[in-house]
Amino acid sequence: MKEQPLSESRLHLRFDRLGRGLSDRVLLSPGDDMAMIGLGSSSRMLVATDQVVVGRHVRPDEDPHAIGRKAVLRNLSDVAAMAARPIATIAAASLSPRRSHDWAERLHAGLHETGLAFDAPLIGGDLATHVHEDSADVVTVTILAVPTLPLDRVISRSGAKVGDLLAVTGRLGGSLDPAGGGRHLDFPPRIEEAIELAGLLGPDLVAMLDVSDGVARDAGRLAVAGGLNVRINAATLPCNPGCGWEQAVGDGEDYELLFACRRQPPAMLHGLPVTVIGRFIEAPNAPGAVELEVDGSIRSIADLGWEHAGS
C-alpha cells in the first residue's frame, strides 16, 4: 500500500481524536492553542509548546537574540488566543556543533529577557547538540498560563454557530519580506487585548485563535471546530500598506486575534482596530470550507495560508 504524504492538517485531526480519550484531569485536550489540566478541585493550568526551526521560521544568519525572542513570543500569542495570562516558560534547544558559546548566550538572552518582559520567567530547560554540523538549530519553548476569566473560563477554538461574526484585530499581510525579516520576528502578543475583549463580549465571544498560518487557514480551523463553513468579504479585510487580499489571508505570522462572536465587537481595543471580516455559514458537506467574496464572485481560499507539509 502506498503511504500517504506527510500532512500537518491530517496529523492534527488524528491527535485531536486520540486526545479525547485522555484522563479526566485533561479539561481541554489537543486541538486548541493550549491544553488545560485540572489541579485539584479548583485550580487550572494551561500548557502549550511551539518551536522555531532555523532555516524554516527564521534565516540561518538571524541574530540569535531575535530567534530566542520569537520562540517565546509565538507561545505568548497562544496564551492570548485563550484570553489567559502567562506565568512561566521552559526552553529546550538542539544546536549545530558549529554554533559558538557567544551565539548560545545570545539565544538564551532572547529567551530570558522576553519571558521576563511578560512576567513569564524562563525557569528551566535543556540543551543538546546535533552530531552533524549542517543540522538545523531547533528552539522549543513550553509556556504555562492560568485562566483570567470568571469560573476559569478560557476561549477555545470551538463554539461558533451559523450566523456568528468572524472578526480580527489589527492589520494583516506582509509579515515576511523577501529578506526573511519583518514583523514576524518581533510582534506584540495580544494578551491584554484578548482579556479586555473577553470581558466586553462575555459569553458572546465564542471562539478564538491567533493568526499564525494565515487567515484563510486559521478561519478554516475555527469553522471545522464548529462544524461549519465561513465566508469572508475581501472588501473588509484590514490590509497592511502594500498588501492586497491575497497577502492578508495567506501570508500568516501576523499573530493577531481571529475570533467568532455573537454580536458586534468593539471597534478598538487598547488603541488597536477590530474589524468584522466575515460570517459563519452552514456546511452542506464536510465542514471547514473558507470562501472569499471578491469582485462580485465567491471563490474558495482554503488552499491559501501556511501548511507545514503537503496535503
C-alpha atoms as a PDB file:
ATOM      1  CA  MET A   1       0.000   0.000   0.000  1.00  0.00           C
ATOM      2  CA  LYS A   2       1.318   3.412  -0.958  1.00  0.00           C
ATOM      3  CA  GLU A   3       1.992   5.587   2.080  1.00  0.00           C
ATOM      4  CA  GLN A   4       0.250   8.955   2.325  1.00  0.00           C
ATOM      5  CA  PRO A   5       2.449  12.059   2.184  1.00  0.00           C
ATOM      6  CA  LEU A   6       3.028  13.888   5.449  1.00  0.00           C
ATOM      7  CA  SER A   7       0.239  16.383   6.192  1.00  0.00           C
ATOM      8  CA  GLU A   8       0.166  18.659   9.221  1.00  0.00           C
ATOM      9  CA  SER A   9      -3.592  19.133   8.951  1.00  0.00           C
ATOM     10  CA  ARG A  10      -4.318  15.384   8.900  1.00  0.00           C
ATOM     11  CA  LEU A  11      -1.960  14.808  11.817  1.00  0.00           C
ATOM     12  CA  HIS A  12      -3.720  17.498  13.861  1.00  0.00           C
ATOM     13  CA  LEU A  13      -7.071  15.790  13.275  1.00  0.00           C
ATOM     14  CA  ARG A  14      -5.625  12.463  14.407  1.00  0.00           C
ATOM     15  CA  PHE A  15      -4.033  13.980  17.520  1.00  0.00           C
ATOM     16  CA  ASP A  16      -7.354  15.639  18.335  1.00  0.00           C
ATOM     17  CA  ARG A  17      -9.255  12.328  18.079  1.00  0.00           C
ATOM     18  CA  LEU A  18      -6.761  10.457  20.247  1.00  0.00           C
ATOM     19  CA  GLY A  19      -6.695  13.274  22.791  1.00  0.00           C
ATOM     20  CA  ARG A  20     -10.390  12.877  23.562  1.00  0.00           C
ATOM     21  CA  GLY A  21      -9.690   9.681  25.481  1.00  0.00           C
ATOM     22  CA  LEU A  22      -7.258  11.203  27.978  1.00  0.00           C
ATOM     23  CA  SER A  23      -7.683  11.417  31.745  1.00  0.00           C
ATOM     24  CA  ASP A  24     -10.483  13.478  33.271  1.00  0.00           C
ATOM     25  CA  ARG A  25      -7.747  15.813  34.530  1.00  0.00           C
ATOM     26  CA  VAL A  26      -7.359  16.996  30.928  1.00  0.00           C
ATOM     27  CA  LEU A  27     -10.048  19.675  30.652  1.00  0.00           C
ATOM     28  CA  LEU A  28      -9.060  20.896  27.195  1.00  0.00           C
ATOM     29  CA  SER A  29      -7.354  18.283  25.034  1.00  0.00           C
ATOM     30  CA  PRO A  30      -5.119  18.527  21.927  1.00  0.00           C
ATOM     31  CA  GLY A  31      -6.561  20.535  19.056  1.00  0.00           C
ATOM     32  CA  ASP A  32      -6.564  24.008  20.604  1.00  0.00           C
ATOM     33  CA  ASP A  33      -3.949  26.721  21.065  1.00  0.00           C
ATOM     34  CA  MET A  34      -3.311  25.437  24.598  1.00  0.00           C
ATOM     35  CA  ALA A  35      -4.302  22.390  26.625  1.00  0.00           C
ATOM     36  CA  MET A  36      -5.832  22.821  30.078  1.00  0.00           C
ATOM     37  CA  ILE A  37      -5.443  20.476  33.021  1.00  0.00           C
ATOM     38  CA  GLY A  38      -7.138  20.442  36.400  1.00  0.00           C
ATOM     39  CA  LEU A  39      -5.004  20.649  39.536  1.00  0.00           C
ATOM     40  CA  GLY A  40      -7.243  19.508  42.346  1.00  0.00           C
ATOM     41  CA  SER A  41     -10.790  20.740  42.782  1.00  0.00           C
ATOM     42  CA  SER A  42     -10.339  24.400  41.882  1.00  0.00           C
ATOM     43  CA  SER A  43      -7.033  25.165  40.131  1.00  0.00           C
ATOM     44  CA  ARG A  44      -6.496  25.152  36.376  1.00  0.00           C
ATOM     45  CA  MET A  45      -3.289  25.279  34.355  1.00  0.00           C
ATOM     46  CA  LEU A  46      -2.832  25.933  30.631  1.00  0.00           C
ATOM     47  CA  VAL A  47       0.135  24.469  28.738  1.00  0.00           C
ATOM     48  CA  ALA A  48       1.413  24.905  25.182  1.00  0.00           C
ATOM     49  CA  THR A  49       4.606  24.361  23.235  1.00  0.00           C
ATOM     50  CA  ASP A  50       5.954  25.748  19.984  1.00  0.00           C
ATOM     51  CA  GLN A  51       9.259  25.766  18.187  1.00  0.00           C
ATOM     52  CA  VAL A  52      11.449  27.813  15.890  1.00  0.00           C
ATOM     53  CA  VAL A  53      13.433  25.871  13.286  1.00  0.00           C
ATOM     54  CA  VAL A  54      16.336  27.904  11.946  1.00  0.00           C
ATOM     55  CA  GLY A  55      16.153  27.958   8.175  1.00  0.00           C
ATOM     56  CA  ARG A  56      12.385  27.388   8.255  1.00  0.00           C
ATOM     57  CA  HIS A  57      10.962  30.043  10.593  1.00  0.00           C
ATOM     58  CA  VAL A  58      13.963  32.410  10.607  1.00  0.00           C
ATOM     59  CA  ARG A  59      17.010  32.985   8.421  1.00  0.00           C
ATOM     60  CA  PRO A  60      20.105  30.919   9.307  1.00  0.00           C
ATOM     61  CA  ASP A  61      22.091  34.158   9.783  1.00  0.00           C
ATOM     62  CA  GLU A  62      19.479  35.808  12.027  1.00  0.00           C
ATOM     63  CA  ASP A  63      20.558  37.383  15.312  1.00  0.00           C
ATOM     64  CA  PRO A  64      20.218  34.596  17.926  1.00  0.00           C
ATOM     65  CA  HIS A  65      18.649  37.066  20.352  1.00  0.00           C
ATOM     66  CA  ALA A  66      15.833  37.626  17.849  1.00  0.00           C
ATOM     67  CA  ILE A  67      15.446  33.861  17.412  1.00  0.00           C
ATOM     68  CA  GLY A  68      15.016  33.383  21.153  1.00  0.00           C
ATOM     69  CA  ARG A  69      12.610  36.284  21.366  1.00  0.00           C
ATOM     70  CA  LYS A  70      10.438  34.936  18.558  1.00  0.00           C
ATOM     71  CA  ALA A  71      10.345  31.481  20.156  1.00  0.00           C
ATOM     72  CA  VAL A  72       8.809  32.976  23.319  1.00  0.00           C
ATOM     73  CA  LEU A  73       6.518  35.429  21.519  1.00  0.00           C
ATOM     74  CA  ARG A  74       4.933  32.622  19.466  1.00  0.00           C
ATOM     75  CA  ASN A  75       3.911  30.914  22.696  1.00  0.00           C
ATOM     76  CA  LEU A  76       2.694  34.143  24.274  1.00  0.00           C
ATOM     77  CA  SER A  77       0.420  34.606  21.274  1.00  0.00           C
ATOM     78  CA  ASP A  78      -1.136  31.209  22.039  1.00  0.00           C
ATOM     79  CA  VAL A  79      -1.797  32.414  25.585  1.00  0.00           C
ATOM     80  CA  ALA A  80      -3.548  35.471  24.160  1.00  0.00           C
ATOM     81  CA  ALA A  81      -5.720  33.228  21.990  1.00  0.00           C
ATOM     82  CA  MET A  82      -7.145  31.662  25.160  1.00  0.00           C
ATOM     83  CA  ALA A  83      -7.659  35.038  26.924  1.00  0.00           C
ATOM     84  CA  ALA A  84      -5.274  33.745  29.598  1.00  0.00           C
ATOM     85  CA  ARG A  85      -2.180  35.105  31.345  1.00  0.00           C
ATOM     86  CA  PRO A  86       1.332  33.570  31.158  1.00  0.00           C
ATOM     87  CA  ILE A  87       3.248  32.626  34.301  1.00  0.00           C
ATOM     88  CA  ALA A  88       6.426  30.801  33.204  1.00  0.00           C
ATOM     89  CA  THR A  89       8.399  29.404  30.271  1.00  0.00           C
ATOM     90  CA  ILE A  90      10.700  26.413  29.739  1.00  0.00           C
ATOM     91  CA  ALA A  91      13.039  26.127  26.747  1.00  0.00           C
ATOM     92  CA  ALA A  92      14.990  23.370  25.017  1.00  0.00           C
ATOM     93  CA  ALA A  93      17.462  23.880  22.183  1.00  0.00           C
ATOM     94  CA  SER A  94      19.166  21.444  19.806  1.00  0.00           C
ATOM     95  CA  LEU A  95      22.075  23.300  18.228  1.00  0.00           C
ATOM     96  CA  SER A  96      24.542  22.592  15.475  1.00  0.00           C
ATOM     97  CA  PRO A  97      28.053  21.923  16.842  1.00  0.00           C
ATOM     98  CA  ARG A  98      29.275  24.831  14.699  1.00  0.00           C
ATOM     99  CA  ARG A  99      27.500  27.311  16.963  1.00  0.00           C
ATOM    100  CA  SER A 100      29.745  29.288  19.311  1.00  0.00           C
ATOM    101  CA  HIS A 101      29.358  29.826  23.034  1.00  0.00           C
ATOM    102  CA  ASP A 102      28.587  33.525  22.405  1.00  0.00           C
ATOM    103  CA  TRP A 103      25.835  32.556  19.923  1.00  0.00           C
ATOM    104  CA  ALA A 104      24.199  30.288  22.516  1.00  0.00           C
ATOM    105  CA  GLU A 105      24.411  33.017  25.157  1.00  0.00           C
ATOM    106  CA  ARG A 106      22.684  35.476  22.800  1.00  0.00           C
ATOM    107  CA  LEU A 107      19.953  32.912  22.161  1.00  0.00           C
ATOM    108  CA  HIS A 108      19.444  32.437  25.893  1.00  0.00           C
ATOM    109  CA  ALA A 109      19.314  36.196  26.417  1.00  0.00           C
ATOM    110  CA  GLY A 110      16.478  36.474  23.898  1.00  0.00           C
ATOM    111  CA  LEU A 111      14.540  33.724  25.674  1.00  0.00           C
ATOM    112  CA  HIS A 112      15.260  35.004  29.174  1.00  0.00           C
ATOM    113  CA  GLU A 113      14.628  38.710  28.578  1.00  0.00           C
ATOM    114  CA  THR A 114      11.409  38.151  26.627  1.00  0.00           C
ATOM    115  CA  GLY A 115       9.998  35.880  29.301  1.00  0.00           C
ATOM    116  CA  LEU A 116      10.766  38.450  31.996  1.00  0.00           C
ATOM    117  CA  ALA A 117       9.193  41.248  29.952  1.00  0.00           C
ATOM    118  CA  PHE A 118       5.848  39.410  30.012  1.00  0.00           C
ATOM    119  CA  ASP A 119       6.072  38.160  33.613  1.00  0.00           C
ATOM    120  CA  ALA A 120       6.674  34.617  32.342  1.00  0.00           C
ATOM    121  CA  PRO A 121      10.242  33.927  33.509  1.00  0.00           C
ATOM    122  CA  LEU A 122      12.365  31.217  31.950  1.00  0.00           C
ATOM    123  CA  ILE A 123      12.566  28.663  34.764  1.00  0.00           C
ATOM    124  CA  GLY A 124      14.442  25.761  33.150  1.00  0.00           C
ATOM    125  CA  GLY A 125      15.065  23.698  30.063  1.00  0.00           C
ATOM    126  CA  ASP A 126      17.617  21.606  28.209  1.00  0.00           C
ATOM    127  CA  LEU A 127      20.454  21.997  25.713  1.00  0.00           C
ATOM    128  CA  ALA A 128      21.789  19.436  23.236  1.00  0.00           C
ATOM    129  CA  THR A 129      23.972  19.478  20.137  1.00  0.00           C
ATOM    130  CA  HIS A 130      23.497  17.648  16.860  1.00  0.00           C
ATOM    131  CA  VAL A 131      26.103  15.234  15.553  1.00  0.00           C
ATOM    132  CA  HIS A 132      26.299  16.843  12.109  1.00  0.00           C
ATOM    133  CA  GLU A 133      27.294  20.466  11.604  1.00  0.00           C
ATOM    134  CA  ASP A 134      24.731  21.036   8.843  1.00  0.00           C
ATOM    135  CA  SER A 135      21.778  20.095  11.109  1.00  0.00           C
ATOM    136  CA  ALA A 136      19.257  22.873  11.671  1.00  0.00           C
ATOM    137  CA  ASP A 137      19.071  24.551  15.073  1.00  0.00           C
ATOM    138  CA  VAL A 138      15.733  23.970  16.808  1.00  0.00           C
ATOM    139  CA  VAL A 139      14.491  26.056  19.731  1.00  0.00           C
ATOM    140  CA  THR A 140      11.429  24.730  21.554  1.00  0.00           C
ATOM    141  CA  VAL A 141       9.538  26.703  24.192  1.00  0.00           C
ATOM    142  CA  THR A 142       6.850  25.429  26.537  1.00  0.00           C
ATOM    143  CA  ILE A 143       4.675  28.012  28.245  1.00  0.00           C
ATOM    144  CA  LEU A 144       2.481  27.795  31.332  1.00  0.00           C
ATOM    145  CA  ALA A 145      -0.517  30.063  31.854  1.00  0.00           C
ATOM    146  CA  VAL A 146      -3.594  30.488  34.031  1.00  0.00           C
ATOM    147  CA  PRO A 147      -7.172  31.479  33.159  1.00  0.00           C
ATOM    148  CA  THR A 148      -8.187  35.074  33.866  1.00  0.00           C
ATOM    149  CA  LEU A 149     -11.933  34.928  33.215  1.00  0.00           C
ATOM    150  CA  PRO A 150     -14.684  34.130  35.738  1.00  0.00           C
ATOM    151  CA  LEU A 151     -15.106  30.431  36.583  1.00  0.00           C
ATOM    152  CA  ASP A 152     -11.718  29.735  34.931  1.00  0.00           C
ATOM    153  CA  ARG A 153     -13.285  30.097  31.514  1.00  0.00           C
ATOM    154  CA  VAL A 154     -10.969  30.135  28.501  1.00  0.00           C
ATOM    155  CA  ILE A 155     -11.792  30.864  24.865  1.00  0.00           C
ATOM    156  CA  SER A 156     -11.266  27.733  22.781  1.00  0.00           C
ATOM    157  CA  ARG A 157     -11.478  27.232  19.020  1.00  0.00           C
ATOM    158  CA  SER A 158     -14.871  25.542  19.173  1.00  0.00           C
ATOM    159  CA  GLY A 159     -18.157  27.319  19.767  1.00  0.00           C
ATOM    160  CA  ALA A 160     -19.020  29.152  16.547  1.00  0.00           C
ATOM    161  CA  LYS A 161     -22.549  28.714  15.168  1.00  0.00           C
ATOM    162  CA  VAL A 162     -24.284  29.687  11.946  1.00  0.00           C
ATOM    163  CA  GLY A 163     -24.607  33.469  11.726  1.00  0.00           C
ATOM    164  CA  ASP A 164     -21.754  34.284  14.115  1.00  0.00           C
ATOM    165  CA  LEU A 165     -19.389  37.043  13.025  1.00  0.00           C
ATOM    166  CA  LEU A 166     -15.734  36.492  12.160  1.00  0.00           C
ATOM    167  CA  ALA A 167     -13.508  39.352  13.292  1.00  0.00           C
ATOM    168  CA  VAL A 168      -9.810  40.137  13.568  1.00  0.00           C
ATOM    169  CA  THR A 169      -7.599  42.582  15.458  1.00  0.00           C
ATOM    170  CA  GLY A 170      -5.000  44.818  13.843  1.00  0.00           C
ATOM    171  CA  ARG A 171      -3.912  44.615  10.220  1.00  0.00           C
ATOM    172  CA  LEU A 172      -2.905  41.694   8.045  1.00  0.00           C
ATOM    173  CA  GLY A 173      -0.300  40.713   5.467  1.00  0.00           C
ATOM    174  CA  GLY A 174       3.360  41.356   4.759  1.00  0.00           C
ATOM    175  CA  SER A 175       4.818  39.817   7.914  1.00  0.00           C
ATOM    176  CA  LEU A 176       7.567  38.176   5.833  1.00  0.00           C
ATOM    177  CA  ASP A 177       9.634  40.310   3.498  1.00  0.00           C
ATOM    178  CA  PRO A 178      11.861  38.801   0.767  1.00  0.00           C
ATOM    179  CA  ALA A 179      14.941  39.002   3.023  1.00  0.00           C
ATOM    180  CA  GLY A 180      13.265  36.945   5.736  1.00  0.00           C
ATOM    181  CA  GLY A 181      12.902  39.755   8.272  1.00  0.00           C
ATOM    182  CA  GLY A 182       9.790  41.728   9.073  1.00  0.00           C
ATOM    183  CA  ARG A 183       7.221  41.807  11.844  1.00  0.00           C
ATOM    184  CA  HIS A 184       7.255  38.049  12.374  1.00  0.00           C
ATOM    185  CA  LEU A 185      10.458  38.460  14.428  1.00  0.00           C
ATOM    186  CA  ASP A 186       9.129  40.986  16.930  1.00  0.00           C
ATOM    187  CA  PHE A 187       5.404  41.410  17.394  1.00  0.00           C
ATOM    188  CA  PRO A 188       3.187  42.268  20.365  1.00  0.00           C
ATOM    189  CA  PRO A 189       1.232  39.232  21.591  1.00  0.00           C
ATOM    190  CA  ARG A 190      -2.345  40.451  22.109  1.00  0.00           C
ATOM    191  CA  ILE A 191      -2.672  39.295  25.721  1.00  0.00           C
ATOM    192  CA  GLU A 192      -4.235  42.420  27.213  1.00  0.00           C
ATOM    193  CA  GLU A 193      -6.460  42.942  24.177  1.00  0.00           C
ATOM    194  CA  ALA A 194      -7.772  39.375  24.415  1.00  0.00           C
ATOM    195  CA  ILE A 195      -8.592  39.688  28.109  1.00  0.00           C
ATOM    196  CA  GLU A 196     -10.363  43.012  27.514  1.00  0.00           C
ATOM    197  CA  LEU A 197     -12.273  41.567  24.544  1.00  0.00           C
ATOM    198  CA  ALA A 198     -13.453  38.600  26.605  1.00  0.00           C
ATOM    199  CA  GLY A 199     -14.560  40.942  29.364  1.00  0.00           C
ATOM    200  CA  LEU A 200     -16.513  43.196  26.992  1.00  0.00           C
ATOM    201  CA  LEU A 201     -18.218  40.457  24.978  1.00  0.00           C
ATOM    202  CA  GLY A 202     -18.657  37.925  27.782  1.00  0.00           C
ATOM    203  CA  PRO A 203     -20.438  34.770  26.548  1.00  0.00           C
ATOM    204  CA  ASP A 204     -20.835  36.360  23.092  1.00  0.00           C
ATOM    205  CA  LEU A 205     -17.134  35.709  22.428  1.00  0.00           C
ATOM    206  CA  VAL A 206     -17.433  32.056  21.433  1.00  0.00           C
ATOM    207  CA  ALA A 207     -14.190  31.010  19.703  1.00  0.00           C
ATOM    208  CA  MET A 208     -10.724  32.414  19.117  1.00  0.00           C
ATOM    209  CA  LEU A 209      -7.198  31.650  17.922  1.00  0.00           C
ATOM    210  CA  ASP A 210      -4.148  33.622  16.843  1.00  0.00           C
ATOM    211  CA  VAL A 211      -3.259  34.070  13.176  1.00  0.00           C
ATOM    212  CA  SER A 212      -0.046  32.133  12.621  1.00  0.00           C
ATOM    213  CA  ASP A 213      -0.752  30.229   9.396  1.00  0.00           C
ATOM    214  CA  GLY A 214      -2.836  32.868   7.603  1.00  0.00           C
ATOM    215  CA  VAL A 215      -6.474  33.906   7.947  1.00  0.00           C
ATOM    216  CA  ALA A 216      -7.546  31.502   5.189  1.00  0.00           C
ATOM    217  CA  ARG A 217      -6.072  28.513   7.019  1.00  0.00           C
ATOM    218  CA  ASP A 218      -6.924  29.631  10.559  1.00  0.00           C
ATOM    219  CA  ALA A 219     -10.506  30.676   9.794  1.00  0.00           C
ATOM    220  CA  GLY A 220     -10.955  27.162   8.429  1.00  0.00           C
ATOM    221  CA  ARG A 221      -9.828  25.760  11.784  1.00  0.00           C
ATOM    222  CA  LEU A 222     -12.500  27.766  13.609  1.00  0.00           C
ATOM    223  CA  ALA A 223     -15.042  26.557  11.051  1.00  0.00           C
ATOM    224  CA  VAL A 224     -14.038  22.886  11.409  1.00  0.00           C
ATOM    225  CA  ALA A 225     -14.236  23.130  15.205  1.00  0.00           C
ATOM    226  CA  GLY A 226     -17.831  24.373  14.886  1.00  0.00           C
ATOM    227  CA  GLY A 227     -18.850  22.001  12.077  1.00  0.00           C
ATOM    228  CA  LEU A 228     -19.335  24.996   9.744  1.00  0.00           C
ATOM    229  CA  ASN A 229     -18.016  26.884   6.746  1.00  0.00           C
ATOM    230  CA  VAL A 230     -17.027  30.546   6.766  1.00  0.00           C
ATOM    231  CA  ARG A 231     -17.343  33.336   4.216  1.00  0.00           C
ATOM    232  CA  ILE A 232     -15.010  36.345   4.216  1.00  0.00           C
ATOM    233  CA  ASN A 233     -15.624  39.662   2.464  1.00  0.00           C
ATOM    234  CA  ALA A 234     -12.420  40.811   0.744  1.00  0.00           C
ATOM    235  CA  ALA A 235     -13.505  44.459   0.875  1.00  0.00           C
ATOM    236  CA  THR A 236     -13.471  44.438   4.680  1.00  0.00           C
ATOM    237  CA  LEU A 237     -10.022  42.896   5.184  1.00  0.00           C
ATOM    238  CA  PRO A 238      -7.746  45.287   7.142  1.00  0.00           C
ATOM    239  CA  CYS A 239      -4.618  45.076   4.994  1.00  0.00           C
ATOM    240  CA  ASN A 240      -1.214  46.463   5.871  1.00  0.00           C
ATOM    241  CA  PRO A 241       0.155  49.071   3.441  1.00  0.00           C
ATOM    242  CA  GLY A 242       1.272  47.489   0.189  1.00  0.00           C
ATOM    243  CA  CYS A 243      -0.726  44.303   0.770  1.00  0.00           C
ATOM    244  CA  GLY A 244      -3.785  43.051  -1.087  1.00  0.00           C
ATOM    245  CA  TRP A 245      -6.330  40.476  -0.019  1.00  0.00           C
ATOM    246  CA  GLU A 246      -4.051  37.610  -1.095  1.00  0.00           C
ATOM    247  CA  GLN A 247      -1.374  38.652   1.395  1.00  0.00           C
ATOM    248  CA  ALA A 248      -3.956  39.454   4.076  1.00  0.00           C
ATOM    249  CA  VAL A 249      -5.433  35.940   4.055  1.00  0.00           C
ATOM    250  CA  GLY A 250      -2.372  33.960   3.027  1.00  0.00           C
ATOM    251  CA  ASP A 251       0.865  35.342   4.436  1.00  0.00           C
ATOM    252  CA  GLY A 252       0.492  34.176   8.038  1.00  0.00           C
ATOM    253  CA  GLU A 253       2.674  35.049  11.041  1.00  0.00           C
ATOM    254  CA  ASP A 254       0.535  38.122  11.763  1.00  0.00           C
ATOM    255  CA  TYR A 255      -0.205  36.874  15.310  1.00  0.00           C
ATOM    256  CA  GLU A 256      -3.428  38.861  15.515  1.00  0.00           C
ATOM    257  CA  LEU A 257      -6.565  37.546  17.219  1.00  0.00           C
ATOM    258  CA  LEU A 258      -9.111  35.884  14.917  1.00  0.00           C
ATOM    259  CA  PHE A 259     -12.398  35.263  16.677  1.00  0.00           C
ATOM    260  CA  ALA A 260     -16.075  34.357  16.389  1.00  0.00           C
ATOM    261  CA  CYS A 261     -18.659  36.427  18.242  1.00  0.00           C
ATOM    262  CA  ARG A 262     -22.450  36.648  18.549  1.00  0.00           C
ATOM    263  CA  ARG A 263     -22.653  40.446  18.412  1.00  0.00           C
ATOM    264  CA  GLN A 264     -20.712  43.391  17.067  1.00  0.00           C
ATOM    265  CA  PRO A 265     -17.294  43.578  18.761  1.00  0.00           C
ATOM    266  CA  PRO A 266     -15.754  46.854  19.979  1.00  0.00           C
ATOM    267  CA  ALA A 267     -14.174  48.953  17.231  1.00  0.00           C
ATOM    268  CA  MET A 268     -10.957  49.384  19.240  1.00  0.00           C
ATOM    269  CA  LEU A 269      -9.042  47.505  21.930  1.00  0.00           C
ATOM    270  CA  HIS A 270      -6.193  49.362  23.637  1.00  0.00           C
ATOM    271  CA  GLY A 271      -5.952  51.562  20.527  1.00  0.00           C
ATOM    272  CA  LEU A 272      -5.921  48.501  18.240  1.00  0.00           C
ATOM    273  CA  PRO A 273      -8.578  48.373  15.498  1.00  0.00           C
ATOM    274  CA  VAL A 274     -11.017  45.459  15.409  1.00  0.00           C
ATOM    275  CA  THR A 275     -12.686  44.543  12.101  1.00  0.00           C
ATOM    276  CA  VAL A 276     -15.540  42.192  11.226  1.00  0.00           C
ATOM    277  CA  ILE A 277     -14.410  40.373   8.077  1.00  0.00           C
ATOM    278  CA  GLY A 278     -16.979  37.623   7.592  1.00  0.00           C
ATOM    279  CA  ARG A 279     -19.630  35.293   8.925  1.00  0.00           C
ATOM    280  CA  PHE A 280     -20.006  31.583   9.662  1.00  0.00           C
ATOM    281  CA  ILE A 281     -22.396  29.677   7.417  1.00  0.00           C
ATOM    282  CA  GLU A 282     -23.786  26.168   7.158  1.00  0.00           C
ATOM    283  CA  ALA A 283     -21.602  23.374   5.812  1.00  0.00           C
ATOM    284  CA  PRO A 284     -23.695  21.248   3.434  1.00  0.00           C
ATOM    285  CA  ASN A 285     -20.829  18.772   3.083  1.00  0.00           C
ATOM    286  CA  ALA A 286     -17.569  18.418   5.027  1.00  0.00           C
ATOM    287  CA  PRO A 287     -17.002  21.465   7.291  1.00  0.00           C
ATOM    288  CA  GLY A 288     -14.062  23.826   7.055  1.00  0.00           C
ATOM    289  CA  ALA A 289     -14.596  25.449   3.649  1.00  0.00           C
ATOM    290  CA  VAL A 290     -13.343  29.043   3.548  1.00  0.00           C
ATOM    291  CA  GLU A 291     -14.944  31.251   0.907  1.00  0.00           C
ATOM    292  CA  LEU A 292     -13.976  34.758  -0.164  1.00  0.00           C
ATOM    293  CA  GLU A 293     -16.429  37.228  -1.658  1.00  0.00           C
ATOM    294  CA  VAL A 294     -14.387  39.374  -4.040  1.00  0.00           C
ATOM    295  CA  ASP A 295     -15.376  41.474  -7.070  1.00  0.00           C
ATOM    296  CA  GLY A 296     -18.918  40.134  -7.035  1.00  0.00           C
ATOM    297  CA  SER A 297     -17.942  36.469  -7.063  1.00  0.00           C
ATOM    298  CA  ILE A 298     -17.235  33.815  -4.448  1.00  0.00           C
ATOM    299  CA  ARG A 299     -14.108  31.680  -4.557  1.00  0.00           C
ATOM    300  CA  SER A 300     -12.525  29.099  -2.284  1.00  0.00           C
ATOM    301  CA  ILE A 301      -9.369  30.180  -0.465  1.00  0.00           C
ATOM    302  CA  ALA A 302      -8.928  27.127   1.771  1.00  0.00           C
ATOM    303  CA  ASP A 303      -5.734  26.301  -0.124  1.00  0.00           C
ATOM    304  CA  LEU A 304      -4.071  29.581   0.875  1.00  0.00           C
ATOM    305  CA  GLY A 305      -2.046  30.077   4.045  1.00  0.00           C
ATOM    306  CA  TRP A 306       0.769  28.034   5.518  1.00  0.00           C
ATOM    307  CA  GLU A 307       0.821  24.230   5.645  1.00  0.00           C
ATOM    308  CA  HIS A 308       3.990  22.654   7.119  1.00  0.00           C
ATOM    309  CA  ALA A 309       3.664  19.667   4.828  1.00  0.00           C
ATOM    310  CA  GLY A 310       1.783  18.902   1.648  1.00  0.00           C
ATOM    311  CA  SER A 311      -1.880  17.991   1.841  1.00  0.00           C
END
